[in-house]
C-alpha cells in the first residue's frame, strides 16, 4: 500500500473520527507501545482537532512527529517512537493494518462469593511493612516491557517471582511478623489494577493532556514531577468494568508458598479508584458519572476481597491516601501526589461521606478484623516540604465510622500532627502506627521506635497496636523513596523495638 510520507511506516491504523480525548490516544498506545524505539507509526484521522492535539502529545511524550499529509478526507500522521535519529537501530517490522476498534470484554457477575478461610493471626505489636518494596533494576525493566507489550505474561511472572523472593528474603532477614510481596509486579500502588481489569487500559500520564481543562497548567505539573510523567501510567476505562482474572490473588498465593507467617495484601481503595478511573470523554462512553462507575468498582473489589480471604490472606489492606488530598489541599493543589485524582471533587464533607459509603459497601458482610485501611499524605518524593501536611482532626470522625478492623496511619512524620488526636477512634479498631519515616535515609534507633510505640500503647492499649513504617518504601516503582538496604535496616530496628516492648 502506498503512503504519502518520506519513510515507510512499520505499522498503520485508521483512527476514524476519534479525537484524542475520546479514545484515539488509547489506540495510539495500543499500536506504538510494542514497537522498538525508532520505529514509525502511521495514524489516519478525519477529526480536525487531532491536527493540533497530536503534535502537542508528541512533544510531551518525547515522540517525533515526522510528517503529515492529506489523503482524501483523512490526514495521515507519521510518528516515530522516540527520535527519528533512532530509526537506524529499529528492527525491520512487516507493515500491518489494524482496525480502529477497542475490543470490549463481556462482563460476568459471579453468584455467591466464597467464604473466608482461616488464616494465621496477626498478634499485637506485630511488625510489618505497609506494602511496597524497592524493585531491582531488572524488575523495573520487566515492568515497562510488559506494559508495552514486549514481554510475555509467562516471562513477566517468572521475573516477578524472582523479585518477590528477594523482597521476602529481606523482610524475613529483618525479622518481621507479617509479610507482603513488596508489590513487585506493580508499576504503582494503584494504577496496576487497570492492567488486570476488563475494559480498562493503562496509559501514561502524558496522554491525559487533551482531557484536562487547562492543558498548559497540567503540562507544567507533569514537568515538575520527580519521576518522568511518561513512565507513570494512569487507568483509562472504555467499557463496563469486569474481573475475569484476579487482581492480586495470584500475588498472594505465590507469597504464601514462601512463608508460613501471616501475609498482607494491599489494594487501592474504592474512593481512590473512583477518583482516578472517572474521566469524562473516556469513561462516559460506559458510565454516566463518577457515582455510577463507583458501583462497579465496589463490585470488582468485593469479588477480589472474597477470593483473597478465601485464600487464607490474614489482612487485606485498602489504600486511600486521597482522603488527605480531600481535606488538606488548598491554594497549593497537590494533584500530582496521587498522579491521579484528576476528576472533579465536591467539598470535603461530601467527599468524605462518599468515601465512607464506598468503603463500607465494600466491606459489608466480610470479617472486618481481617480488613485494614491505609492513608498517608503523599509518598512520591522524599522531600517532606513537597507533601501534604495536617493533623488527623478533620478525618477522625470518618475513620471511626469506617467498617475496617485496622487503620494503618503515618505518625512518625511531623506532617501528621499529634497522635493523641486519634484517641477518638472506635475501641475495636486496631492502629498500625507509623514508627519510622520511610522518606529519611537515617535508620531510627530501637529506643526511638520504642518511645513512639509506647505513646501509642498509652493511647490505645497494647492489644490494639501494630508497628509499621509511615508508608511504603517504593509506592511508585520508578520512584522509590528508600533503597532496599535502608528499608531492611528500618524494619530490623522496628523488630528490635517490638521485642523490647513484648518483654
Protein backbone atom coordinates (compact mmCIF):
# COMPACT_ATOMS: atom_id res chain seq x y z
CA UNK A 1 0.00 0.00 0.00
CA UNK A 2 1.36 3.43 -0.93
CA UNK A 3 1.89 6.12 1.67
CA UNK A 4 2.41 9.90 1.40
CA UNK A 5 5.48 10.09 3.66
CA UNK A 6 9.25 10.17 3.11
CA UNK A 7 9.65 6.99 5.18
CA UNK A 8 7.58 3.80 5.20
CA UNK A 9 5.73 3.13 8.48
CA UNK A 10 6.17 -0.19 10.24
CA UNK A 11 2.55 -0.14 11.42
CA UNK A 12 -0.53 1.79 10.29
CA UNK A 13 -4.05 2.15 11.67
CA UNK A 14 -7.16 4.20 10.95
CA UNK A 15 -8.41 6.27 13.88
CA UNK A 16 -11.52 7.41 12.04
CA UNK A 17 -13.25 10.39 13.65
CA UNK A 18 -11.99 9.72 17.19
CA UNK A 19 -10.38 12.70 18.87
CA UNK A 20 -7.50 12.47 21.35
CA UNK A 21 -9.86 12.87 24.29
CA UNK A 22 -12.34 10.17 23.26
CA UNK A 23 -10.13 7.22 22.55
CA UNK A 24 -7.58 7.94 19.82
CA UNK A 25 -4.70 8.04 22.32
CA UNK A 26 -5.72 4.62 23.63
CA UNK A 27 -5.41 3.25 20.11
CA UNK A 28 -2.10 5.00 19.54
CA UNK A 29 -0.75 3.41 22.73
CA UNK A 30 -2.02 0.01 21.66
CA UNK A 31 0.00 0.23 18.45
CA UNK A 32 3.08 2.24 19.43
CA UNK A 33 3.98 0.62 22.76
CA UNK A 34 5.09 -2.74 21.28
CA UNK A 35 7.31 -1.01 18.69
CA UNK A 36 11.05 -0.58 19.25
CA UNK A 37 12.38 2.95 19.55
CA UNK A 38 12.95 4.44 16.12
CA UNK A 39 10.04 2.56 14.52
CA UNK A 40 7.40 4.53 12.61
CA UNK A 41 3.64 4.52 13.14
CA UNK A 42 1.12 5.92 10.65
CA UNK A 43 -2.15 7.31 12.04
CA UNK A 44 -5.08 8.15 9.77
CA UNK A 45 -7.66 10.57 11.14
CA UNK A 46 -10.65 12.54 9.90
CA UNK A 47 -11.01 14.51 13.17
CA UNK A 48 -9.80 18.10 12.72
CA UNK A 49 -8.75 18.63 16.38
CA UNK A 50 -6.12 15.88 16.03
CA UNK A 51 -4.04 18.23 13.84
CA UNK A 52 -3.39 20.38 16.91
CA UNK A 53 -3.55 17.80 19.70
CA UNK A 54 -1.29 15.14 18.20
CA UNK A 55 1.78 17.40 17.78
CA UNK A 56 1.34 18.55 21.41
CA UNK A 57 1.14 14.91 22.54
CA UNK A 58 4.30 14.08 20.60
CA UNK A 59 6.21 16.95 22.21
CA UNK A 60 5.15 15.95 25.71
CA UNK A 61 5.82 12.23 25.30
CA UNK A 62 9.20 12.54 23.58
CA UNK A 63 8.00 11.04 20.31
CA UNK A 64 8.68 12.77 16.98
CA UNK A 65 6.03 13.83 14.50
CA UNK A 66 7.92 13.13 11.29
CA UNK A 67 5.38 14.35 8.73
CA UNK A 68 1.70 14.74 7.95
CA UNK A 69 -0.20 14.75 4.68
CA UNK A 70 -3.77 14.86 3.41
CA UNK A 71 -5.14 11.66 1.86
CA UNK A 72 -8.60 12.49 0.65
CA UNK A 73 -10.89 13.15 3.62
CA UNK A 74 -8.31 11.93 6.15
CA UNK A 75 -4.98 13.28 7.31
CA UNK A 76 -2.09 10.84 7.65
CA UNK A 77 0.37 11.42 10.51
CA UNK A 78 3.72 9.68 10.65
CA UNK A 79 5.01 9.40 14.23
CA UNK A 80 8.37 7.99 15.29
CA UNK A 81 8.60 6.24 18.64
CA UNK A 82 11.35 8.31 20.17
CA UNK A 83 13.51 10.32 17.79
CA UNK A 84 13.85 9.74 14.06
CA UNK A 85 17.61 9.56 14.59
CA UNK A 86 17.00 6.24 16.37
CA UNK A 87 15.35 4.74 13.29
CA UNK A 88 18.52 3.00 12.10
CA UNK A 89 18.53 0.91 15.28
CA UNK A 90 14.89 -0.14 14.95
CA UNK A 91 14.25 -3.68 13.85
CA UNK A 92 12.59 -4.10 10.46
CA UNK A 93 8.93 -4.88 11.05
CA UNK A 94 6.41 -6.09 8.46
CA UNK A 95 3.84 -3.49 7.54
CA UNK A 96 0.46 -4.21 9.12
CA UNK A 97 -3.03 -2.75 9.11
CA UNK A 98 -5.14 -2.55 12.26
CA UNK A 99 -8.87 -1.93 12.63
CA UNK A 100 -9.68 1.10 14.78
CA UNK A 101 -11.84 -0.62 17.37
CA UNK A 102 -11.45 -1.20 21.07
CA UNK A 103 -12.28 -4.76 21.97
CA UNK A 104 -14.84 -4.88 24.79
CA UNK A 105 -14.76 -7.89 27.11
CA UNK A 106 -18.19 -9.15 28.23
CA UNK A 107 -18.70 -8.63 31.96
CA UNK A 108 -19.80 -11.62 34.02
CA UNK A 109 -21.02 -11.14 37.58
CA UNK A 110 -20.35 -14.06 39.95
CA UNK A 111 -23.10 -15.51 42.07
CA UNK A 112 -22.34 -16.36 45.68
CA UNK A 113 -18.97 -15.06 46.86
CA UNK A 114 -16.68 -17.60 48.59
CA UNK A 115 -16.48 -17.75 52.37
CA UNK A 116 -13.38 -16.58 54.22
CA UNK A 117 -10.95 -19.35 55.15
CA UNK A 118 -8.94 -19.50 58.40
CA UNK A 119 -5.69 -17.53 58.35
CA UNK A 120 -2.69 -17.09 60.67
CA UNK A 121 -3.49 -14.48 63.32
CA UNK A 122 -1.77 -11.10 63.41
CA UNK A 123 -0.82 -10.64 67.06
CA UNK A 124 -0.44 -7.34 68.98
CA UNK A 125 2.79 -5.40 68.32
CA UNK A 126 3.36 -7.30 65.07
CA UNK A 127 5.88 -5.63 62.75
CA UNK A 128 5.19 -5.35 59.02
CA UNK A 129 5.71 -3.12 56.01
CA UNK A 130 2.90 -1.07 54.57
CA UNK A 131 3.20 -2.81 51.22
CA UNK A 132 5.73 -1.73 48.61
CA UNK A 133 9.43 -2.62 48.46
CA UNK A 134 12.11 -1.21 46.12
CA UNK A 135 12.26 -3.16 42.84
CA UNK A 136 15.59 -4.33 41.37
CA UNK A 137 16.58 -2.58 38.17
CA UNK A 138 15.86 -5.67 36.09
CA UNK A 139 12.37 -5.85 37.57
CA UNK A 140 11.69 -2.25 36.57
CA UNK A 141 12.76 -3.06 33.03
CA UNK A 142 10.46 -6.08 33.00
CA UNK A 143 7.50 -3.96 34.18
CA UNK A 144 7.99 -1.45 31.36
CA UNK A 145 8.45 -4.14 28.71
CA UNK A 146 5.36 -5.98 29.95
CA UNK A 147 3.15 -2.89 29.97
CA UNK A 148 4.33 -2.01 26.47
CA UNK A 149 3.58 -5.49 25.15
CA UNK A 150 7.21 -6.51 24.61
CA UNK A 151 7.36 -9.18 27.34
CA UNK A 152 5.03 -12.16 27.57
CA UNK A 153 2.81 -12.85 30.58
CA UNK A 154 4.77 -16.01 31.47
CA UNK A 155 8.17 -14.32 31.23
CA UNK A 156 6.97 -11.35 33.25
CA UNK A 157 5.54 -13.50 36.03
CA UNK A 158 8.71 -15.62 36.20
CA UNK A 159 10.82 -12.47 36.51
CA UNK A 160 8.50 -11.08 39.17
CA UNK A 161 8.67 -14.33 41.14
CA UNK A 162 12.42 -13.83 41.49
CA UNK A 163 11.93 -10.23 42.65
CA UNK A 164 9.34 -11.32 45.23
CA UNK A 165 11.73 -13.94 46.59
CA UNK A 166 14.33 -11.22 47.19
CA UNK A 167 11.79 -8.92 48.88
CA UNK A 168 10.57 -11.74 51.14
CA UNK A 169 14.13 -12.78 51.99
CA UNK A 170 14.90 -9.20 53.07
CA UNK A 171 11.80 -9.00 55.25
CA UNK A 172 12.49 -12.37 56.85
CA UNK A 173 16.07 -11.30 57.43
CA UNK A 174 14.81 -8.24 59.27
CA UNK A 175 12.52 -10.46 61.36
CA UNK A 176 9.08 -9.05 60.51
CA UNK A 177 5.96 -10.83 61.74
CA UNK A 178 3.72 -10.20 58.71
CA UNK A 179 4.92 -10.36 55.11
CA UNK A 180 3.99 -8.61 51.88
CA UNK A 181 5.29 -9.44 48.42
CA UNK A 182 6.65 -5.90 48.10
CA UNK A 183 4.20 -5.17 45.25
CA UNK A 184 6.96 -6.25 42.88
CA UNK A 185 4.56 -6.95 39.99
CA UNK A 186 3.02 -3.47 40.11
CA UNK A 187 4.02 -0.26 38.36
CA UNK A 188 2.48 1.65 41.26
CA UNK A 189 0.36 1.01 44.32
CA UNK A 190 -2.89 1.86 42.50
CA UNK A 191 -2.72 2.06 38.71
CA UNK A 192 -1.69 -1.59 38.28
CA UNK A 193 -5.35 -2.54 38.74
CA UNK A 194 -6.11 -1.19 35.28
CA UNK A 195 -3.85 -3.81 33.73
CA UNK A 196 -5.85 -6.58 35.44
CA UNK A 197 -9.45 -5.46 34.93
CA UNK A 198 -11.52 -5.94 31.78
CA UNK A 199 -12.26 -2.90 29.58
CA UNK A 200 -9.59 -0.82 31.26
CA UNK A 201 -6.20 0.22 29.94
CA UNK A 202 -3.11 1.82 31.43
CA UNK A 203 -1.95 4.96 29.66
CA UNK A 204 0.94 7.31 30.55
CA UNK A 205 0.03 10.49 32.41
CA UNK A 206 1.14 12.44 29.37
CA UNK A 207 -1.80 11.01 27.40
CA UNK A 208 -4.21 12.81 29.72
CA UNK A 209 -3.20 16.19 28.33
CA UNK A 210 -6.18 16.51 25.94
CA UNK A 211 -8.59 15.55 28.73
CA UNK A 212 -7.91 18.33 31.24
CA UNK A 213 -9.46 21.80 31.33
CA UNK A 214 -6.13 23.62 31.41
CA UNK A 215 -3.57 21.67 29.28
CA UNK A 216 -0.81 24.26 29.77
CA UNK A 217 -1.09 24.12 33.57
CA UNK A 218 -1.31 20.32 33.56
CA UNK A 219 1.78 20.09 31.34
CA UNK A 220 3.62 22.32 33.83
CA UNK A 221 2.55 19.99 36.66
CA UNK A 222 3.80 16.93 34.78
CA UNK A 223 7.18 18.52 34.15
CA UNK A 224 7.51 19.21 37.89
CA UNK A 225 7.10 15.55 38.87
CA UNK A 226 10.08 13.79 40.45
CA UNK A 227 9.57 10.91 38.02
CA UNK A 228 9.08 11.29 34.24
CA UNK A 229 5.36 11.57 33.59
CA UNK A 230 5.61 9.27 30.57
CA UNK A 231 6.72 6.43 32.87
CA UNK A 232 3.76 6.83 35.26
CA UNK A 233 0.63 5.20 33.90
CA UNK A 234 -2.98 6.03 34.64
CA UNK A 235 -6.11 3.86 34.22
CA UNK A 236 -8.48 4.67 31.37
CA UNK A 237 -11.89 2.93 31.36
CA UNK A 238 -13.52 2.47 27.95
CA UNK A 239 -16.24 -0.07 28.79
CA UNK A 240 -18.05 -1.76 31.70
CA UNK A 241 -15.55 -2.89 34.32
CA UNK A 242 -15.16 -6.62 34.79
CA UNK A 243 -12.86 -9.01 36.64
CA UNK A 244 -12.32 -12.11 34.54
CA UNK A 245 -8.96 -12.70 36.26
CA UNK A 246 -7.79 -11.87 39.78
CA UNK A 247 -6.24 -8.54 40.67
CA UNK A 248 -3.85 -9.81 43.35
CA UNK A 249 -4.87 -13.36 44.35
CA UNK A 250 -2.03 -14.75 42.24
CA UNK A 251 0.37 -12.49 44.15
CA UNK A 252 -0.96 -13.78 47.48
CA UNK A 253 -0.74 -17.45 46.53
CA UNK A 254 2.88 -17.14 45.42
CA UNK A 255 3.76 -15.27 48.62
CA UNK A 256 2.06 -17.91 50.77
CA UNK A 257 4.24 -20.53 49.11
CA UNK A 258 7.33 -18.78 50.52
CA UNK A 259 6.32 -18.46 54.18
CA UNK A 260 4.14 -19.83 56.97
CA UNK A 261 3.81 -16.37 58.52
CA UNK A 262 0.74 -14.17 58.13
CA UNK A 263 0.60 -12.32 54.82
CA UNK A 264 -0.93 -8.97 53.94
CA UNK A 265 -2.09 -7.84 50.51
CA UNK A 266 -2.67 -4.17 49.69
CA UNK A 267 -5.20 -2.94 47.14
CA UNK A 268 -6.27 0.56 46.11
CA UNK A 269 -9.47 1.59 47.83
CA UNK A 270 -12.79 2.29 46.09
CA UNK A 271 -12.73 6.06 46.60
CA UNK A 272 -9.23 6.34 45.15
CA UNK A 273 -10.20 4.25 42.13
CA UNK A 274 -13.40 6.24 41.60
CA UNK A 275 -11.38 9.47 41.59
CA UNK A 276 -8.78 8.11 39.17
CA UNK A 277 -10.91 5.99 36.83
CA UNK A 278 -13.66 8.51 36.18
CA UNK A 279 -12.51 10.72 33.31
CA UNK A 280 -15.05 12.48 31.14
CA UNK A 281 -14.57 11.98 27.39
CA UNK A 282 -13.28 8.45 28.12
CA UNK A 283 -15.26 6.86 30.94
CA UNK A 284 -18.54 8.49 29.91
CA UNK A 285 -18.79 6.11 26.98
CA UNK A 286 -19.63 3.43 29.55
CA UNK A 287 -20.71 5.31 32.69
CA UNK A 288 -22.96 8.27 33.41
CA UNK A 289 -20.99 9.65 36.35
CA UNK A 290 -18.32 9.04 38.94
CA UNK A 291 -21.01 7.63 41.25
CA UNK A 292 -22.10 5.22 38.52
CA UNK A 293 -18.60 3.84 37.88
CA UNK A 294 -18.05 3.58 41.66
CA UNK A 295 -20.76 0.90 41.86
CA UNK A 296 -18.78 -1.40 39.56
CA UNK A 297 -15.53 -0.55 41.33
CA UNK A 298 -17.06 -1.71 44.62
CA UNK A 299 -18.33 -4.87 42.93
CA UNK A 300 -14.98 -5.95 41.49
CA UNK A 301 -13.17 -5.11 44.75
CA UNK A 302 -15.70 -7.21 46.70
CA UNK A 303 -15.02 -10.12 44.35
CA UNK A 304 -11.29 -9.72 44.90
CA UNK A 305 -11.64 -9.33 48.67
CA UNK A 306 -13.71 -12.50 48.90
CA UNK A 307 -11.14 -14.52 46.94
CA UNK A 308 -8.22 -13.17 48.98
CA UNK A 309 -9.89 -14.04 52.28
CA UNK A 310 -10.87 -17.45 50.91
CA UNK A 311 -7.20 -17.99 50.02
CA UNK A 312 -6.22 -17.51 53.68
CA UNK A 313 -4.77 -14.00 53.49
CA UNK A 314 -4.53 -12.65 57.04
CA UNK A 315 -5.00 -8.98 56.16
CA UNK A 316 -6.34 -7.18 53.10
CA UNK A 317 -5.38 -3.50 53.23
CA UNK A 318 -7.14 -0.88 51.13
CA UNK A 319 -5.10 2.24 50.34
CA UNK A 320 -7.00 5.55 50.48
CA UNK A 321 -4.38 8.32 50.62
CA UNK A 322 -6.62 10.60 48.57
CA UNK A 323 -8.59 11.17 51.79
CA UNK A 324 -5.78 13.51 52.81
CA UNK A 325 -5.98 15.30 49.45
CA UNK A 326 -9.65 15.97 50.18
CA UNK A 327 -9.03 17.83 53.44
CA UNK A 328 -5.51 19.23 53.11
CA UNK A 329 -5.33 20.70 49.60
CA UNK A 330 -5.79 24.43 49.49
CA UNK A 331 -4.28 27.13 47.31
CA UNK A 332 -1.35 24.85 46.57
CA UNK A 333 -3.14 21.93 44.97
CA UNK A 334 -1.19 18.68 45.24
CA UNK A 335 -2.84 16.88 42.33
CA UNK A 336 0.47 15.27 41.38
CA UNK A 337 0.96 13.48 44.67
CA UNK A 338 -1.56 10.87 43.65
CA UNK A 339 -0.60 11.02 40.00
CA UNK A 340 -4.34 10.70 39.71
CA UNK A 341 -7.41 12.07 41.46
CA UNK A 342 -7.99 14.11 38.32
CA UNK A 343 -11.76 14.06 38.37
CA UNK A 344 -13.72 16.88 39.91
CA UNK A 345 -14.46 16.71 43.62
CA UNK A 346 -17.03 18.35 45.86
CA UNK A 347 -16.48 19.94 49.23
CA UNK A 348 -14.61 17.97 51.89
CA UNK A 349 -17.74 16.88 53.80
CA UNK A 350 -19.35 15.50 50.63
CA UNK A 351 -16.19 13.68 49.53
CA UNK A 352 -15.55 12.13 52.95
CA UNK A 353 -19.14 10.88 53.12
CA UNK A 354 -18.83 9.46 49.59
CA UNK A 355 -15.58 7.70 50.52
CA UNK A 356 -17.08 6.33 53.75
CA UNK A 357 -20.10 4.91 51.94
CA UNK A 358 -17.96 3.25 49.26
CA UNK A 359 -15.60 1.65 51.78
CA UNK A 360 -18.42 0.40 53.99
CA UNK A 361 -20.28 -1.01 50.97
CA UNK A 362 -17.09 -2.84 50.03
CA UNK A 363 -16.50 -4.42 53.45
CA UNK A 364 -20.12 -5.22 54.33
CA UNK A 365 -20.53 -8.86 55.32
CA UNK A 366 -16.82 -9.63 55.50
CA UNK A 367 -14.79 -10.22 58.70
CA UNK A 368 -13.62 -6.67 59.35
CA UNK A 369 -10.87 -7.85 61.71
CA UNK A 370 -9.04 -9.04 58.57
CA UNK A 371 -9.55 -5.78 56.66
CA UNK A 372 -7.41 -2.67 57.05
CA UNK A 373 -7.16 0.80 55.55
CA UNK A 374 -4.02 2.84 54.98
CA UNK A 375 -3.77 6.57 54.41
CA UNK A 376 -0.88 8.99 54.25
CA UNK A 377 -0.12 12.48 52.97
CA UNK A 378 1.96 11.70 49.91
CA UNK A 379 4.81 9.33 49.16
CA UNK A 380 6.08 10.18 45.69
CA UNK A 381 9.13 12.10 46.94
CA UNK A 382 11.46 12.07 49.97
CA UNK A 383 11.03 15.84 50.19
CA UNK A 384 8.83 16.42 53.24
CA UNK A 385 8.10 20.00 52.18
CA UNK A 386 6.55 18.86 48.90
CA UNK A 387 3.96 16.62 50.56
CA UNK A 388 0.68 17.41 52.25
CA UNK A 389 0.55 18.41 55.88
CA UNK A 390 -2.18 18.46 58.52
CA UNK A 391 -3.40 16.69 61.64
CA UNK A 392 -5.97 13.91 61.72
CA UNK A 393 -8.54 16.23 63.30
CA UNK A 394 -10.74 16.62 60.17
CA UNK A 395 -10.50 12.88 59.46
CA UNK A 396 -11.10 11.21 62.84
CA UNK A 397 -14.88 11.08 62.55
CA UNK A 398 -14.67 9.49 59.11
CA UNK A 399 -12.01 7.00 60.21
CA UNK A 400 -14.04 5.90 63.22
CA UNK A 401 -17.11 5.22 61.07
CA UNK A 402 -15.26 3.03 58.56
CA UNK A 403 -16.10 -0.66 58.86
CA UNK A 404 -12.49 -1.82 58.89
CA UNK A 405 -10.68 -3.53 61.73
CA UNK A 406 -7.28 -1.87 61.38
CA UNK A 407 -6.14 1.62 60.39
CA UNK A 408 -2.56 1.90 59.12
CA UNK A 409 -1.65 5.55 59.74
CA UNK A 410 1.51 7.58 59.41
CA UNK A 411 2.55 9.26 62.64
CA UNK A 412 6.33 9.47 62.57
CA UNK A 413 6.46 12.47 60.24
CA UNK A 414 5.69 15.82 61.87
CA UNK A 415 3.32 16.47 58.94
CA UNK A 416 0.85 14.08 60.58
CA UNK A 417 0.37 16.17 63.72
CA UNK A 418 -0.18 14.81 67.22
CA UNK A 419 -1.02 11.13 67.66
CA UNK A 420 -3.34 11.92 70.56
CA UNK A 421 -6.00 13.25 68.19
CA UNK A 422 -6.67 9.64 67.22
CA UNK A 423 -7.92 8.83 70.71
CA UNK A 424 -11.44 9.18 69.30
CA UNK A 425 -11.21 6.05 67.13
CA UNK A 426 -13.52 3.14 67.96
CA UNK A 427 -12.14 0.87 70.67
CA UNK A 428 -12.38 -2.22 68.46
CA UNK A 429 -10.23 -0.63 65.73
CA UNK A 430 -6.57 -1.60 65.83
CA UNK A 431 -4.00 1.00 64.81
CA UNK A 432 -0.95 0.27 62.69
CA UNK A 433 1.24 3.10 63.98
CA UNK A 434 3.93 4.61 61.78
CA UNK A 435 7.08 4.40 63.89
CA UNK A 436 9.74 5.01 61.20
CA UNK A 437 9.84 7.58 58.41
CA UNK A 438 10.46 5.80 55.11
CA UNK A 439 11.50 9.08 53.47
CA UNK A 440 14.61 9.54 55.65
CA UNK A 441 17.85 7.70 54.93
CA UNK A 442 18.75 7.56 58.63
CA UNK A 443 17.60 4.43 60.43
CA UNK A 444 15.81 5.31 63.64
CA UNK A 445 17.19 3.65 66.76
CA UNK A 446 15.27 0.93 68.55
CA UNK A 447 14.97 3.32 71.51
CA UNK A 448 13.29 6.00 69.35
CA UNK A 449 10.90 3.48 67.89
CA UNK A 450 10.09 2.05 71.30
CA UNK A 451 9.28 5.51 72.64
CA UNK A 452 6.84 6.17 69.77
CA UNK A 453 5.25 2.77 70.22
CA UNK A 454 4.84 3.33 73.98
CA UNK A 455 2.99 6.56 73.26
CA UNK A 456 0.60 4.59 71.06
CA UNK A 457 0.20 1.88 73.69
CA UNK A 458 -0.69 4.54 76.25
CA UNK A 459 -3.38 5.88 73.91
CA UNK A 460 -4.84 2.66 72.54
CA UNK A 461 -3.66 -0.21 74.72
CA UNK A 462 -1.12 -2.86 73.72
CA UNK A 463 -3.71 -5.19 72.18
CA UNK A 464 -4.64 -2.58 69.57
CA UNK A 465 -1.15 -1.56 68.38
CA UNK A 466 0.76 -2.81 65.32
CA UNK A 467 4.08 -1.35 64.13
CA UNK A 468 4.60 -0.16 60.54
CA UNK A 469 6.57 2.47 58.60
CA UNK A 470 4.63 5.62 57.75
CA UNK A 471 4.15 4.37 54.19
CA UNK A 472 5.66 2.02 51.62
CA UNK A 473 9.30 2.17 50.61
CA UNK A 474 8.55 2.30 46.87
CA UNK A 475 4.96 3.40 46.25
CA UNK A 476 5.80 4.14 42.62
CA UNK A 477 8.05 1.54 41.01
CA UNK A 478 10.22 4.06 39.20
CA UNK A 479 10.46 6.39 42.16
CA UNK A 480 11.34 4.58 45.42
CA UNK A 481 11.82 6.82 48.44
CA UNK A 482 14.33 4.39 50.01
CA UNK A 483 16.78 1.68 48.97
CA UNK A 484 16.29 -1.96 49.84
CA UNK A 485 19.20 -1.72 52.29
CA UNK A 486 17.62 1.20 54.15
CA UNK A 487 14.21 -0.49 54.15
CA UNK A 488 15.61 -3.66 55.68
CA UNK A 489 17.56 -1.68 58.28
CA UNK A 490 14.44 0.21 59.37
CA UNK A 491 12.36 -2.96 59.65
CA UNK A 492 15.10 -4.64 61.69
CA UNK A 493 15.14 -1.70 64.12
CA UNK A 494 11.35 -1.97 64.43
CA UNK A 495 11.67 -5.67 65.24
CA UNK A 496 14.22 -4.89 67.98
CA UNK A 497 11.86 -2.32 69.48
CA UNK A 498 8.93 -4.75 69.37
CA UNK A 499 10.95 -7.42 71.17
CA UNK A 500 11.76 -4.95 73.94
CA UNK A 501 8.12 -3.96 74.23
CA UNK A 502 6.99 -7.59 74.47
CA UNK A 503 9.49 -8.20 77.26
